[in-house]
Each structure stands twice: as C-alpha cells, then as structure tokens.
Amino acid sequence: MHINSQTQVMKKLLLFSFILFTVFIPITSQSSNFPLLNQEEDIERLIDLDGSLAETDQRSLLPTPIIATISTSSINVEFSNNLGIIIVEISSPSGSLIYDNNINTQAQTNLSIDVSGWDGGVYQIRFENSDGRYMYGTFEKE
C-alpha cells in the first residue's frame, strides 16, 4: 500500500509540473517583460556629415539639407529640401565603391539602403550635387 501512495504522489507531482511548464513557459517567453538574452536593439546612430551643398558658407542660416543615420540593418537618408539630383556613393573599408545611386530629391525625400549583409568596418558616404559641391561622412557598420 505504501508503494501505491508514493506512485500516486509522483503522478500528481508530474502532472502539476507538466501543467506548470505548458502554461507558464509560453507566457513568459512571449511577454515583453522578459526579453530574450541575445536580443539586440536596432538603434539608429546619426552619421556626421561635413562639407556643404550650398553656394555660400552660411551654413548656420540654412537647415542641414541631408540627415543620415545608420542602424544594424540600414542607412536612412532624409533630404530636408529640394537639392536637385544628388549622387549618393558609399565606399567600403578597403576604399572600393560599393553603392552608387542618383536621387532626384524633388521626387524622393527619403532613401533607405540595406546594409544587413555588409561586413563590419568603417565606411565613407558621399553626397554630391550637379555643381560638384558635396557632403561626406564616415560611419561604422558593426
């Protein structure tokens, strides 16, 4: 009789454990209060740009015409006003040209470039207008 009661206690304990794990584990793994350990946030960082697209050097009076940010998956560019046709070029850490595109800023005010497959390193980005004036900056792809 003693063995039978121990078996019943073990069955109840196993049933309780099964219920606990089938109910509790899915709830905690889907909850935003319990982030996964290896989960990374895709934080955008501003790319500092030097140079000027304006005819004069009165940059303090004009808003920044181009705002560029980098995240782990993309470069996002915002053209704050009509700059005409802008050539966008990106050079790899070795110096080779890996991205080249002409953007008509009258028709397109935003640009997104997928960088998720790029190797880590320091890249250079350059924006040039039809007058040969340019803005440039470097960014790190992690």
N, C-alpha and C. Protein backbone atom coordinates (compact mmCIF):
# COMPACT_ATOMS: atom_id res chain seq x y z
N MET A 1 0.81 -1.18 0.00
CA MET A 1 0.00 0.00 0.00
C MET A 1 0.87 1.26 0.00
N HIS A 2 1.98 1.17 0.65
CA HIS A 2 2.88 2.30 0.74
C HIS A 2 3.45 2.67 -0.64
N ILE A 3 3.75 1.69 -1.47
CA ILE A 3 4.30 1.94 -2.81
C ILE A 3 3.23 2.58 -3.70
N ASN A 4 2.01 2.17 -3.57
CA ASN A 4 0.92 2.71 -4.37
C ASN A 4 0.69 4.20 -4.06
N SER A 5 0.76 4.60 -2.79
CA SER A 5 0.57 6.01 -2.44
C SER A 5 1.73 6.87 -2.93
N GLN A 6 2.95 6.32 -2.93
CA GLN A 6 4.10 7.06 -3.47
C GLN A 6 3.96 7.26 -4.98
N THR A 7 3.43 6.26 -5.64
CA THR A 7 3.22 6.35 -7.08
C THR A 7 2.18 7.42 -7.40
N GLN A 8 1.13 7.48 -6.61
CA GLN A 8 0.10 8.50 -6.82
C GLN A 8 0.65 9.90 -6.58
N VAL A 9 1.48 10.06 -5.55
CA VAL A 9 2.10 11.36 -5.27
C VAL A 9 3.01 11.76 -6.43
N MET A 10 3.78 10.81 -6.95
CA MET A 10 4.67 11.10 -8.08
C MET A 10 3.88 11.48 -9.33
N LYS A 11 2.77 10.79 -9.58
CA LYS A 11 1.92 11.10 -10.73
C LYS A 11 1.36 12.51 -10.61
N LYS A 12 0.91 12.86 -9.41
CA LYS A 12 0.35 14.20 -9.19
C LYS A 12 1.44 15.26 -9.36
N LEU A 13 2.63 14.96 -8.85
CA LEU A 13 3.75 15.90 -8.98
C LEU A 13 4.13 16.09 -10.45
N LEU A 14 4.18 14.99 -11.21
CA LEU A 14 4.49 15.08 -12.62
C LEU A 14 3.41 15.84 -13.38
N LEU A 15 2.15 15.57 -13.07
CA LEU A 15 1.04 16.28 -13.71
C LEU A 15 1.10 17.77 -13.40
N PHE A 16 1.36 18.11 -12.14
CA PHE A 16 1.48 19.52 -11.75
C PHE A 16 2.64 20.19 -12.49
N SER A 17 3.79 19.50 -12.59
CA SER A 17 4.96 20.06 -13.30
C SER A 17 4.65 20.26 -14.77
N PHE A 18 3.98 19.27 -15.38
CA PHE A 18 3.61 19.37 -16.78
C PHE A 18 2.71 20.58 -17.03
N ILE A 19 1.70 20.74 -16.20
CA ILE A 19 0.78 21.87 -16.35
C ILE A 19 1.53 23.19 -16.15
N LEU A 20 2.37 23.23 -15.14
CA LEU A 20 3.14 24.44 -14.86
C LEU A 20 4.00 24.84 -16.06
N PHE A 21 4.72 23.88 -16.63
CA PHE A 21 5.60 24.19 -17.75
C PHE A 21 4.85 24.49 -19.04
N THR A 22 3.73 23.83 -19.29
CA THR A 22 2.99 24.10 -20.52
C THR A 22 2.24 25.42 -20.47
N VAL A 23 1.93 25.91 -19.30
CA VAL A 23 1.21 27.18 -19.17
C VAL A 23 2.17 28.33 -18.92
N PHE A 24 3.10 28.16 -18.00
CA PHE A 24 3.96 29.26 -17.57
C PHE A 24 5.04 29.60 -18.60
N ILE A 25 5.71 28.63 -19.19
CA ILE A 25 6.82 28.88 -20.10
C ILE A 25 6.37 29.66 -21.35
N PRO A 26 5.28 29.27 -22.06
CA PRO A 26 4.87 30.08 -23.22
C PRO A 26 4.49 31.50 -22.87
N ILE A 27 3.89 31.71 -21.71
CA ILE A 27 3.50 33.07 -21.31
C ILE A 27 4.73 33.94 -21.09
N THR A 28 5.74 33.43 -20.40
CA THR A 28 6.93 34.24 -20.12
C THR A 28 7.78 34.45 -21.36
N SER A 29 7.82 33.49 -22.28
CA SER A 29 8.65 33.68 -23.46
C SER A 29 8.03 34.68 -24.44
N GLN A 30 6.71 34.88 -24.40
CA GLN A 30 6.06 35.84 -25.29
C GLN A 30 5.91 37.21 -24.66
N SER A 31 6.16 37.33 -23.39
CA SER A 31 5.95 38.59 -22.69
C SER A 31 7.09 39.55 -22.97
N SER A 32 6.75 40.82 -23.15
CA SER A 32 7.78 41.83 -23.38
C SER A 32 8.52 42.17 -22.09
N ASN A 33 8.00 41.73 -20.95
CA ASN A 33 8.68 41.98 -19.67
C ASN A 33 9.85 41.04 -19.46
N PHE A 34 9.98 40.03 -20.30
CA PHE A 34 11.05 39.07 -20.19
C PHE A 34 11.80 39.01 -21.51
N PRO A 35 12.69 39.98 -21.79
CA PRO A 35 13.39 39.98 -23.08
C PRO A 35 14.34 38.80 -23.19
N LEU A 36 14.54 38.34 -24.42
CA LEU A 36 15.48 37.26 -24.65
C LEU A 36 16.89 37.78 -24.44
N LEU A 37 17.78 36.91 -23.98
CA LEU A 37 19.13 37.34 -23.61
C LEU A 37 19.94 37.82 -24.81
N ASN A 38 19.82 37.18 -25.96
CA ASN A 38 20.64 37.55 -27.11
C ASN A 38 19.97 38.54 -28.04
N GLN A 39 18.85 39.11 -27.64
CA GLN A 39 18.13 40.04 -28.49
C GLN A 39 18.83 41.40 -28.48
N GLU A 40 19.13 41.94 -29.67
CA GLU A 40 19.78 43.24 -29.78
C GLU A 40 18.78 44.27 -30.29
N GLU A 41 18.92 45.49 -29.80
CA GLU A 41 18.07 46.57 -30.31
C GLU A 41 18.72 47.15 -31.55
N ASP A 42 17.91 47.53 -32.51
CA ASP A 42 18.39 48.13 -33.74
C ASP A 42 18.34 49.65 -33.58
N ILE A 43 19.37 50.20 -32.98
CA ILE A 43 19.42 51.62 -32.64
C ILE A 43 20.03 52.39 -33.81
N GLU A 44 19.37 53.49 -34.21
CA GLU A 44 19.90 54.35 -35.26
C GLU A 44 20.88 55.36 -34.65
N ARG A 45 22.01 55.51 -35.34
CA ARG A 45 23.01 56.50 -34.94
C ARG A 45 23.17 57.51 -36.07
N LEU A 46 23.33 58.77 -35.70
CA LEU A 46 23.50 59.85 -36.68
C LEU A 46 24.87 59.75 -37.32
N ILE A 47 24.92 59.92 -38.64
CA ILE A 47 26.18 59.99 -39.36
C ILE A 47 26.53 61.47 -39.50
N ASP A 48 27.67 61.87 -38.93
CA ASP A 48 28.11 63.27 -39.01
C ASP A 48 28.59 63.55 -40.43
N LEU A 49 28.03 64.59 -41.03
CA LEU A 49 28.39 64.97 -42.39
C LEU A 49 29.12 66.30 -42.39
N ASP A 50 30.21 66.36 -43.15
CA ASP A 50 30.96 67.60 -43.35
C ASP A 50 30.78 68.03 -44.80
N GLY A 51 31.21 69.26 -45.09
CA GLY A 51 31.08 69.79 -46.44
C GLY A 51 29.82 70.62 -46.56
N SER A 52 29.54 71.07 -47.78
CA SER A 52 28.38 71.92 -47.99
C SER A 52 27.86 71.74 -49.41
N LEU A 53 26.55 71.76 -49.56
CA LEU A 53 25.93 71.74 -50.88
C LEU A 53 25.51 73.13 -51.31
N ALA A 54 25.63 74.11 -50.41
CA ALA A 54 25.20 75.48 -50.69
C ALA A 54 26.30 76.24 -51.42
N GLU A 55 25.90 77.30 -52.13
CA GLU A 55 26.87 78.11 -52.87
C GLU A 55 27.72 78.97 -51.95
N THR A 56 27.19 79.31 -50.78
CA THR A 56 27.94 80.12 -49.82
C THR A 56 28.23 79.29 -48.58
N ASP A 57 29.03 79.80 -47.71
CA ASP A 57 29.38 79.09 -46.49
C ASP A 57 28.52 79.52 -45.31
N GLN A 58 27.33 80.06 -45.55
CA GLN A 58 26.45 80.50 -44.48
C GLN A 58 25.59 79.33 -44.00
N ARG A 59 26.23 78.26 -43.57
CA ARG A 59 25.52 77.06 -43.14
C ARG A 59 24.70 77.29 -41.89
N SER A 60 25.08 78.25 -41.06
CA SER A 60 24.35 78.48 -39.81
C SER A 60 22.94 79.00 -40.07
N LEU A 61 22.72 79.63 -41.23
CA LEU A 61 21.40 80.16 -41.54
C LEU A 61 20.50 79.11 -42.21
N LEU A 62 21.10 78.08 -42.79
CA LEU A 62 20.33 77.07 -43.51
C LEU A 62 20.20 75.81 -42.67
N PRO A 63 19.06 75.13 -42.76
CA PRO A 63 18.96 73.84 -42.07
C PRO A 63 19.86 72.82 -42.75
N THR A 64 20.22 71.79 -42.03
CA THR A 64 21.03 70.73 -42.62
C THR A 64 20.24 70.09 -43.75
N PRO A 65 20.75 70.14 -44.98
CA PRO A 65 19.96 69.64 -46.11
C PRO A 65 19.85 68.12 -46.17
N ILE A 66 20.78 67.41 -45.50
CA ILE A 66 20.77 65.94 -45.52
C ILE A 66 20.99 65.43 -44.11
N ILE A 67 20.13 64.53 -43.69
CA ILE A 67 20.29 63.86 -42.39
C ILE A 67 20.41 62.38 -42.69
N ALA A 68 21.51 61.77 -42.25
CA ALA A 68 21.76 60.35 -42.49
C ALA A 68 21.97 59.63 -41.17
N THR A 69 21.35 58.45 -41.04
CA THR A 69 21.52 57.62 -39.85
C THR A 69 21.86 56.20 -40.27
N ILE A 70 22.52 55.48 -39.37
CA ILE A 70 22.89 54.09 -39.61
C ILE A 70 22.36 53.23 -38.47
N SER A 71 21.82 52.07 -38.81
CA SER A 71 21.44 51.06 -37.82
C SER A 71 22.10 49.76 -38.25
N THR A 72 21.83 48.67 -37.56
CA THR A 72 22.45 47.41 -37.94
C THR A 72 21.96 46.89 -39.29
N SER A 73 20.78 47.35 -39.71
CA SER A 73 20.21 46.80 -40.94
C SER A 73 20.14 47.79 -42.10
N SER A 74 20.19 49.10 -41.84
CA SER A 74 20.02 50.04 -42.95
C SER A 74 20.63 51.41 -42.66
N ILE A 75 20.88 52.11 -43.76
CA ILE A 75 21.22 53.54 -43.72
C ILE A 75 19.94 54.24 -44.16
N ASN A 76 19.52 55.23 -43.40
CA ASN A 76 18.34 56.02 -43.75
C ASN A 76 18.76 57.46 -43.97
N VAL A 77 18.36 58.01 -45.12
CA VAL A 77 18.75 59.37 -45.50
C VAL A 77 17.48 60.18 -45.71
N GLU A 78 17.48 61.39 -45.16
CA GLU A 78 16.37 62.32 -45.37
C GLU A 78 16.92 63.58 -46.02
N PHE A 79 16.34 63.94 -47.14
CA PHE A 79 16.70 65.17 -47.84
C PHE A 79 15.67 66.21 -47.40
N SER A 80 16.11 67.21 -46.61
CA SER A 80 15.17 68.14 -45.99
C SER A 80 14.60 69.18 -46.94
N ASN A 81 15.23 69.37 -48.10
CA ASN A 81 14.66 70.26 -49.11
C ASN A 81 15.09 69.79 -50.50
N ASN A 82 14.55 70.42 -51.53
CA ASN A 82 14.86 70.03 -52.90
C ASN A 82 16.30 70.43 -53.22
N LEU A 83 17.13 69.43 -53.44
CA LEU A 83 18.54 69.67 -53.75
C LEU A 83 18.86 69.34 -55.20
N GLY A 84 17.83 69.00 -55.99
CA GLY A 84 18.05 68.56 -57.36
C GLY A 84 18.49 67.11 -57.38
N ILE A 85 19.31 66.78 -58.37
CA ILE A 85 19.84 65.42 -58.48
C ILE A 85 21.07 65.31 -57.58
N ILE A 86 21.05 64.34 -56.70
CA ILE A 86 22.17 64.09 -55.78
C ILE A 86 22.75 62.71 -56.08
N ILE A 87 24.05 62.64 -56.22
CA ILE A 87 24.74 61.36 -56.37
C ILE A 87 25.10 60.87 -54.97
N VAL A 88 24.69 59.64 -54.66
CA VAL A 88 25.00 59.04 -53.36
C VAL A 88 25.99 57.91 -53.61
N GLU A 89 27.14 58.00 -52.95
CA GLU A 89 28.18 56.98 -53.10
C GLU A 89 28.61 56.50 -51.72
N ILE A 90 28.85 55.20 -51.62
CA ILE A 90 29.38 54.62 -50.38
C ILE A 90 30.59 53.77 -50.75
N SER A 91 31.69 54.01 -50.02
CA SER A 91 32.92 53.25 -50.21
C SER A 91 33.13 52.31 -49.04
N SER A 92 33.63 51.13 -49.35
CA SER A 92 33.89 50.10 -48.33
C SER A 92 35.12 50.46 -47.51
N PRO A 93 35.38 49.72 -46.44
CA PRO A 93 36.60 49.97 -45.66
C PRO A 93 37.88 49.86 -46.48
N SER A 94 37.86 49.07 -47.56
CA SER A 94 39.05 48.95 -48.42
C SER A 94 39.15 50.08 -49.44
N GLY A 95 38.09 50.92 -49.54
CA GLY A 95 38.11 52.06 -50.45
C GLY A 95 37.38 51.83 -51.75
N SER A 96 36.87 50.63 -51.99
CA SER A 96 36.16 50.38 -53.25
C SER A 96 34.72 50.87 -53.16
N LEU A 97 34.20 51.34 -54.29
CA LEU A 97 32.84 51.86 -54.37
C LEU A 97 31.87 50.68 -54.34
N ILE A 98 30.97 50.65 -53.33
CA ILE A 98 30.03 49.54 -53.20
C ILE A 98 28.58 49.97 -53.40
N TYR A 99 28.33 51.29 -53.42
CA TYR A 99 26.98 51.79 -53.65
C TYR A 99 27.09 53.08 -54.43
N ASP A 100 26.27 53.22 -55.48
CA ASP A 100 26.27 54.41 -56.32
C ASP A 100 24.86 54.58 -56.86
N ASN A 101 24.23 55.73 -56.57
CA ASN A 101 22.85 55.95 -56.99
C ASN A 101 22.61 57.44 -57.18
N ASN A 102 21.83 57.79 -58.20
CA ASN A 102 21.40 59.17 -58.43
C ASN A 102 19.99 59.32 -57.87
N ILE A 103 19.78 60.31 -57.02
CA ILE A 103 18.48 60.55 -56.40
C ILE A 103 17.97 61.91 -56.81
N ASN A 104 16.74 61.95 -57.33
CA ASN A 104 16.08 63.21 -57.64
C ASN A 104 15.35 63.64 -56.37
N THR A 105 15.90 64.59 -55.64
CA THR A 105 15.32 64.98 -54.35
C THR A 105 14.03 65.78 -54.48
N GLN A 106 13.69 66.18 -55.69
CA GLN A 106 12.39 66.83 -55.89
C GLN A 106 11.29 65.78 -55.80
N ALA A 107 11.56 64.57 -56.27
CA ALA A 107 10.56 63.50 -56.27
C ALA A 107 10.71 62.55 -55.09
N GLN A 108 11.92 62.46 -54.53
CA GLN A 108 12.19 61.50 -53.46
C GLN A 108 12.88 62.20 -52.30
N THR A 109 12.25 62.21 -51.14
CA THR A 109 12.82 62.91 -49.98
C THR A 109 13.48 61.96 -48.99
N ASN A 110 13.30 60.64 -49.15
CA ASN A 110 13.90 59.66 -48.25
C ASN A 110 14.57 58.56 -49.06
N LEU A 111 15.62 58.01 -48.48
CA LEU A 111 16.34 56.91 -49.10
C LEU A 111 16.71 55.92 -48.01
N SER A 112 16.48 54.63 -48.25
CA SER A 112 16.87 53.59 -47.32
C SER A 112 17.76 52.60 -48.06
N ILE A 113 18.92 52.31 -47.49
CA ILE A 113 19.90 51.41 -48.10
C ILE A 113 20.10 50.23 -47.17
N ASP A 114 19.85 49.03 -47.66
CA ASP A 114 20.01 47.82 -46.86
C ASP A 114 21.50 47.51 -46.69
N VAL A 115 21.95 47.45 -45.44
CA VAL A 115 23.35 47.15 -45.15
C VAL A 115 23.48 45.88 -44.31
N SER A 116 22.39 45.14 -44.17
CA SER A 116 22.40 43.97 -43.29
C SER A 116 23.43 42.92 -43.71
N GLY A 117 23.74 42.82 -44.99
CA GLY A 117 24.70 41.84 -45.46
C GLY A 117 26.14 42.35 -45.55
N TRP A 118 26.35 43.59 -45.19
CA TRP A 118 27.70 44.17 -45.29
C TRP A 118 28.57 43.73 -44.13
N ASP A 119 29.87 43.62 -44.39
CA ASP A 119 30.84 43.29 -43.34
C ASP A 119 31.01 44.47 -42.40
N GLY A 120 31.47 44.20 -41.20
CA GLY A 120 31.75 45.25 -40.25
C GLY A 120 32.96 46.07 -40.68
N GLY A 121 32.99 47.32 -40.28
CA GLY A 121 34.11 48.19 -40.62
C GLY A 121 33.67 49.63 -40.76
N VAL A 122 34.62 50.49 -41.13
CA VAL A 122 34.35 51.92 -41.29
C VAL A 122 34.18 52.21 -42.78
N TYR A 123 33.03 52.77 -43.13
CA TYR A 123 32.66 53.09 -44.50
C TYR A 123 32.61 54.61 -44.66
N GLN A 124 32.69 55.08 -45.91
CA GLN A 124 32.53 56.50 -46.20
C GLN A 124 31.32 56.69 -47.10
N ILE A 125 30.51 57.71 -46.77
CA ILE A 125 29.35 58.06 -47.59
C ILE A 125 29.56 59.47 -48.12
N ARG A 126 29.11 59.69 -49.36
CA ARG A 126 29.31 60.99 -50.01
C ARG A 126 28.05 61.35 -50.80
N PHE A 127 27.65 62.61 -50.68
CA PHE A 127 26.50 63.16 -51.41
C PHE A 127 27.03 64.31 -52.25
N GLU A 128 26.83 64.26 -53.57
CA GLU A 128 27.33 65.31 -54.45
C GLU A 128 26.21 65.84 -55.33
N ASN A 129 26.14 67.19 -55.46
CA ASN A 129 25.12 67.79 -56.33
C ASN A 129 25.68 68.04 -57.72
N SER A 130 24.86 68.57 -58.61
CA SER A 130 25.26 68.78 -60.01
C SER A 130 26.31 69.88 -60.16
N ASP A 131 26.48 70.74 -59.14
CA ASP A 131 27.51 71.78 -59.18
C ASP A 131 28.86 71.29 -58.68
N GLY A 132 28.95 70.03 -58.27
CA GLY A 132 30.20 69.48 -57.76
C GLY A 132 30.41 69.70 -56.27
N ARG A 133 29.46 70.34 -55.60
CA ARG A 133 29.56 70.52 -54.15
C ARG A 133 29.13 69.22 -53.48
N TYR A 134 29.68 68.97 -52.30
CA TYR A 134 29.40 67.69 -51.68
C TYR A 134 29.40 67.75 -50.15
N MET A 135 28.77 66.74 -49.58
CA MET A 135 28.82 66.48 -48.14
C MET A 135 29.28 65.04 -47.99
N TYR A 136 30.04 64.77 -46.93
CA TYR A 136 30.58 63.42 -46.77
C TYR A 136 30.69 63.11 -45.27
N GLY A 137 30.79 61.84 -45.00
CA GLY A 137 30.95 61.40 -43.62
C GLY A 137 31.38 59.96 -43.57
N THR A 138 31.79 59.52 -42.40
CA THR A 138 32.14 58.12 -42.20
C THR A 138 31.21 57.52 -41.17
N PHE A 139 31.00 56.23 -41.27
CA PHE A 139 30.18 55.52 -40.29
C PHE A 139 30.74 54.13 -40.12
N GLU A 140 30.43 53.57 -38.98
CA GLU A 140 30.89 52.21 -38.69
C GLU A 140 29.73 51.25 -38.77
N LYS A 141 29.92 50.19 -39.54
CA LYS A 141 28.95 49.10 -39.61
C LYS A 141 29.44 48.02 -38.66
N GLU A 142 28.63 47.70 -37.67
CA GLU A 142 29.05 46.70 -36.67
C GLU A 142 28.65 45.32 -37.09
